[in-house]
Amino acid sequence: MPKMEEKETPCSWSKRSQSCESTENYLKAILEIRSSHSRCRNVDISRHLNFSRASVSKALVKLSKAGLVKIAEHVCASPLKGGGLLRS
């Protein structure tokens, strides 16, 4: 009988570095931040959980791959003389 592939779940990312509890903590932090602000940035989560921004970024990528969060990249645009846009 062929071996079935084990599907990755949010709690099986990395047994040593992430757990179901940390997944829940990230999701709760996102909900709490979104309830009081119109946006939730990596730095907001980092401050809320007292984690480094790099750790938050890595965790968000994993949460995104697990289908638990959607990561949106924003471009800050400012009007320039002549009607062009400056991307920062």
N, C-alpha and C. Protein backbone atom coordinates (compact mmCIF):
# COMPACT_ATOMS: atom_id res chain seq x y z
N MET A 1 0.84 -1.17 0.00
CA MET A 1 0.00 0.00 0.00
C MET A 1 0.89 1.24 0.00
N PRO A 2 0.62 2.22 -0.90
CA PRO A 2 1.47 3.41 -0.95
C PRO A 2 1.33 4.25 0.32
N LYS A 3 2.45 4.85 0.69
CA LYS A 3 2.47 5.71 1.87
C LYS A 3 1.77 7.03 1.56
N MET A 4 0.85 7.44 2.42
CA MET A 4 0.14 8.70 2.22
C MET A 4 1.00 9.86 2.68
N GLU A 5 0.97 10.93 1.92
CA GLU A 5 1.70 12.13 2.32
C GLU A 5 1.05 12.75 3.52
N GLU A 6 1.90 13.18 4.45
CA GLU A 6 1.39 13.85 5.64
C GLU A 6 1.18 15.32 5.31
N LYS A 7 -0.02 15.81 5.47
CA LYS A 7 -0.33 17.19 5.17
C LYS A 7 0.19 18.09 6.28
N GLU A 8 0.82 19.19 5.86
CA GLU A 8 1.35 20.14 6.84
C GLU A 8 0.20 20.92 7.46
N THR A 9 0.21 20.99 8.76
CA THR A 9 -0.78 21.76 9.49
C THR A 9 -0.06 22.90 10.19
N PRO A 10 -0.77 23.92 10.61
CA PRO A 10 -0.13 25.04 11.29
C PRO A 10 0.68 24.61 12.50
N CYS A 11 0.31 23.52 13.12
CA CYS A 11 1.01 23.08 14.32
C CYS A 11 2.16 22.14 14.00
N SER A 12 2.42 21.86 12.73
CA SER A 12 3.52 20.96 12.39
C SER A 12 4.61 21.64 11.58
N TRP A 13 4.64 22.99 11.62
CA TRP A 13 5.68 23.69 10.84
C TRP A 13 7.05 23.21 11.22
N SER A 14 7.40 23.45 12.45
CA SER A 14 8.69 23.06 12.97
C SER A 14 8.46 22.71 14.43
N LYS A 15 8.62 21.45 14.72
CA LYS A 15 8.28 20.98 16.06
C LYS A 15 9.09 21.67 17.14
N ARG A 16 10.29 22.11 16.82
CA ARG A 16 11.12 22.70 17.87
C ARG A 16 10.91 24.21 18.04
N SER A 17 10.48 24.91 16.98
CA SER A 17 10.41 26.36 17.09
C SER A 17 8.99 26.93 17.14
N GLN A 18 8.02 26.21 16.65
CA GLN A 18 6.65 26.71 16.65
C GLN A 18 5.72 25.66 17.23
N SER A 19 4.65 26.11 17.83
CA SER A 19 3.67 25.19 18.39
C SER A 19 2.29 25.73 18.13
N CYS A 20 1.30 24.92 18.47
CA CYS A 20 -0.08 25.39 18.34
C CYS A 20 -0.31 26.63 19.18
N GLU A 21 0.31 26.66 20.33
CA GLU A 21 0.14 27.82 21.22
C GLU A 21 0.69 29.09 20.58
N SER A 22 1.86 29.02 19.95
CA SER A 22 2.41 30.22 19.32
C SER A 22 1.57 30.63 18.12
N THR A 23 1.03 29.65 17.38
CA THR A 23 0.13 29.97 16.27
C THR A 23 -1.07 30.75 16.79
N GLU A 24 -1.65 30.26 17.87
CA GLU A 24 -2.79 30.95 18.47
C GLU A 24 -2.40 32.34 18.95
N ASN A 25 -1.21 32.48 19.52
CA ASN A 25 -0.76 33.79 20.00
C ASN A 25 -0.63 34.79 18.86
N TYR A 26 -0.08 34.34 17.74
CA TYR A 26 0.03 35.23 16.58
C TYR A 26 -1.35 35.64 16.08
N LEU A 27 -2.25 34.67 15.95
CA LEU A 27 -3.58 34.98 15.44
C LEU A 27 -4.35 35.90 16.39
N LYS A 28 -4.21 35.68 17.70
CA LYS A 28 -4.87 36.56 18.67
C LYS A 28 -4.30 37.97 18.59
N ALA A 29 -2.98 38.08 18.47
CA ALA A 29 -2.33 39.39 18.37
C ALA A 29 -2.84 40.14 17.14
N ILE A 30 -2.94 39.44 16.02
CA ILE A 30 -3.42 40.06 14.79
C ILE A 30 -4.85 40.56 14.98
N LEU A 31 -5.69 39.74 15.58
CA LEU A 31 -7.08 40.16 15.82
C LEU A 31 -7.16 41.35 16.76
N GLU A 32 -6.37 41.34 17.82
CA GLU A 32 -6.38 42.46 18.77
C GLU A 32 -5.90 43.75 18.12
N ILE A 33 -4.84 43.65 17.34
CA ILE A 33 -4.30 44.85 16.66
C ILE A 33 -5.30 45.36 15.63
N ARG A 34 -5.88 44.45 14.84
CA ARG A 34 -6.85 44.86 13.82
C ARG A 34 -8.11 45.46 14.43
N SER A 35 -8.48 45.03 15.64
CA SER A 35 -9.69 45.57 16.26
C SER A 35 -9.49 47.01 16.73
N SER A 36 -8.24 47.40 16.98
CA SER A 36 -8.01 48.77 17.45
C SER A 36 -7.37 49.67 16.39
N HIS A 37 -6.88 49.10 15.30
CA HIS A 37 -6.27 49.86 14.21
C HIS A 37 -6.84 49.38 12.89
N SER A 38 -6.68 50.18 11.88
CA SER A 38 -7.20 49.79 10.57
C SER A 38 -6.24 48.84 9.85
N ARG A 39 -5.03 48.70 10.38
CA ARG A 39 -4.06 47.82 9.74
C ARG A 39 -3.26 47.07 10.80
N CYS A 40 -2.58 46.05 10.36
CA CYS A 40 -1.75 45.24 11.25
C CYS A 40 -0.44 44.98 10.54
N ARG A 41 0.60 45.67 10.97
CA ARG A 41 1.91 45.53 10.34
C ARG A 41 2.79 44.59 11.15
N ASN A 42 3.86 44.10 10.52
CA ASN A 42 4.80 43.23 11.22
C ASN A 42 5.32 43.89 12.49
N VAL A 43 5.63 45.18 12.39
CA VAL A 43 6.17 45.89 13.55
C VAL A 43 5.14 45.97 14.68
N ASP A 44 3.86 46.06 14.33
CA ASP A 44 2.81 46.08 15.35
C ASP A 44 2.76 44.75 16.10
N ILE A 45 2.85 43.67 15.34
CA ILE A 45 2.84 42.33 15.95
C ILE A 45 4.09 42.15 16.80
N SER A 46 5.22 42.60 16.27
CA SER A 46 6.49 42.50 16.99
C SER A 46 6.42 43.19 18.34
N ARG A 47 5.89 44.39 18.35
CA ARG A 47 5.76 45.14 19.61
C ARG A 47 4.75 44.48 20.55
N HIS A 48 3.65 44.02 19.99
CA HIS A 48 2.58 43.41 20.78
C HIS A 48 3.06 42.14 21.49
N LEU A 49 3.83 41.32 20.78
CA LEU A 49 4.29 40.05 21.33
C LEU A 49 5.70 40.12 21.93
N ASN A 50 6.36 41.27 21.74
CA ASN A 50 7.75 41.45 22.20
C ASN A 50 8.69 40.44 21.54
N PHE A 51 8.51 40.26 20.21
CA PHE A 51 9.36 39.40 19.40
C PHE A 51 10.11 40.27 18.41
N SER A 52 11.20 39.75 17.86
CA SER A 52 11.92 40.50 16.83
C SER A 52 11.08 40.56 15.56
N ARG A 53 11.30 41.60 14.76
CA ARG A 53 10.55 41.72 13.50
C ARG A 53 10.88 40.58 12.55
N ALA A 54 12.14 40.11 12.60
CA ALA A 54 12.53 38.98 11.74
C ALA A 54 11.75 37.72 12.11
N SER A 55 11.59 37.47 13.40
CA SER A 55 10.84 36.29 13.84
C SER A 55 9.39 36.39 13.43
N VAL A 56 8.83 37.58 13.53
CA VAL A 56 7.43 37.79 13.14
C VAL A 56 7.28 37.57 11.63
N SER A 57 8.21 38.08 10.86
CA SER A 57 8.14 37.91 9.41
C SER A 57 8.18 36.44 9.02
N LYS A 58 9.08 35.67 9.64
CA LYS A 58 9.18 34.24 9.34
C LYS A 58 7.89 33.52 9.73
N ALA A 59 7.35 33.86 10.88
CA ALA A 59 6.12 33.21 11.34
C ALA A 59 4.95 33.55 10.43
N LEU A 60 4.88 34.79 9.97
CA LEU A 60 3.78 35.19 9.09
C LEU A 60 3.84 34.47 7.75
N VAL A 61 5.03 34.23 7.24
CA VAL A 61 5.17 33.48 6.00
C VAL A 61 4.62 32.07 6.21
N LYS A 62 4.95 31.46 7.34
CA LYS A 62 4.45 30.11 7.63
C LYS A 62 2.94 30.10 7.83
N LEU A 63 2.42 31.11 8.52
CA LEU A 63 0.97 31.21 8.69
C LEU A 63 0.28 31.40 7.34
N SER A 64 0.90 32.17 6.47
CA SER A 64 0.34 32.40 5.14
C SER A 64 0.32 31.11 4.33
N LYS A 65 1.42 30.36 4.37
CA LYS A 65 1.49 29.08 3.64
C LYS A 65 0.47 28.08 4.17
N ALA A 66 0.14 28.20 5.46
CA ALA A 66 -0.86 27.31 6.06
C ALA A 66 -2.27 27.81 5.78
N GLY A 67 -2.40 28.97 5.14
CA GLY A 67 -3.71 29.51 4.79
C GLY A 67 -4.42 30.20 5.95
N LEU A 68 -3.66 30.62 6.96
CA LEU A 68 -4.28 31.24 8.13
C LEU A 68 -4.26 32.77 8.10
N VAL A 69 -3.35 33.35 7.34
CA VAL A 69 -3.29 34.80 7.20
C VAL A 69 -3.00 35.15 5.75
N LYS A 70 -3.31 36.38 5.40
CA LYS A 70 -3.00 36.89 4.07
C LYS A 70 -2.03 38.05 4.25
N ILE A 71 -0.91 37.97 3.59
CA ILE A 71 0.09 39.02 3.68
C ILE A 71 -0.11 39.98 2.51
N ALA A 72 -0.27 41.24 2.82
CA ALA A 72 -0.45 42.25 1.78
C ALA A 72 0.74 43.20 1.81
N GLU A 73 1.32 43.45 0.65
CA GLU A 73 2.41 44.42 0.56
C GLU A 73 1.82 45.73 0.06
N HIS A 74 2.22 46.80 0.71
CA HIS A 74 1.69 48.12 0.36
C HIS A 74 2.80 48.98 -0.20
N VAL A 75 2.47 49.76 -1.19
CA VAL A 75 3.39 50.71 -1.78
C VAL A 75 2.94 52.09 -1.34
N CYS A 76 3.87 52.84 -0.78
CA CYS A 76 3.57 54.22 -0.38
C CYS A 76 3.79 55.10 -1.59
N ALA A 77 2.75 55.71 -2.07
CA ALA A 77 2.86 56.54 -3.27
C ALA A 77 2.58 57.99 -2.94
N SER A 78 3.40 58.85 -3.48
CA SER A 78 3.23 60.29 -3.29
C SER A 78 3.20 60.95 -4.65
N PRO A 79 2.31 61.94 -4.85
CA PRO A 79 2.28 62.62 -6.14
C PRO A 79 3.52 63.48 -6.34
N LEU A 80 4.03 63.47 -7.57
CA LEU A 80 5.18 64.30 -7.93
C LEU A 80 4.72 65.36 -8.92
N LYS A 81 5.53 66.38 -9.07
CA LYS A 81 5.26 67.37 -10.11
C LYS A 81 5.26 66.66 -11.45
N GLY A 82 4.30 66.93 -12.27
CA GLY A 82 4.20 66.30 -13.58
C GLY A 82 3.30 65.07 -13.56
N GLY A 83 2.73 64.74 -12.39
CA GLY A 83 1.75 63.67 -12.33
C GLY A 83 2.31 62.27 -12.12
N GLY A 84 3.65 62.13 -11.97
CA GLY A 84 4.23 60.81 -11.72
C GLY A 84 4.07 60.41 -10.27
N LEU A 85 4.49 59.20 -9.97
CA LEU A 85 4.42 58.71 -8.60
C LEU A 85 5.82 58.34 -8.12
N LEU A 86 6.07 58.60 -6.85
CA LEU A 86 7.33 58.23 -6.21
C LEU A 86 7.05 57.04 -5.31
N ARG A 87 7.78 55.99 -5.52
CA ARG A 87 7.62 54.81 -4.64
C ARG A 87 8.74 54.85 -3.61
N SER A 88 8.34 54.67 -2.38
CA SER A 88 9.35 54.69 -1.32
C SER A 88 9.49 53.34 -0.69
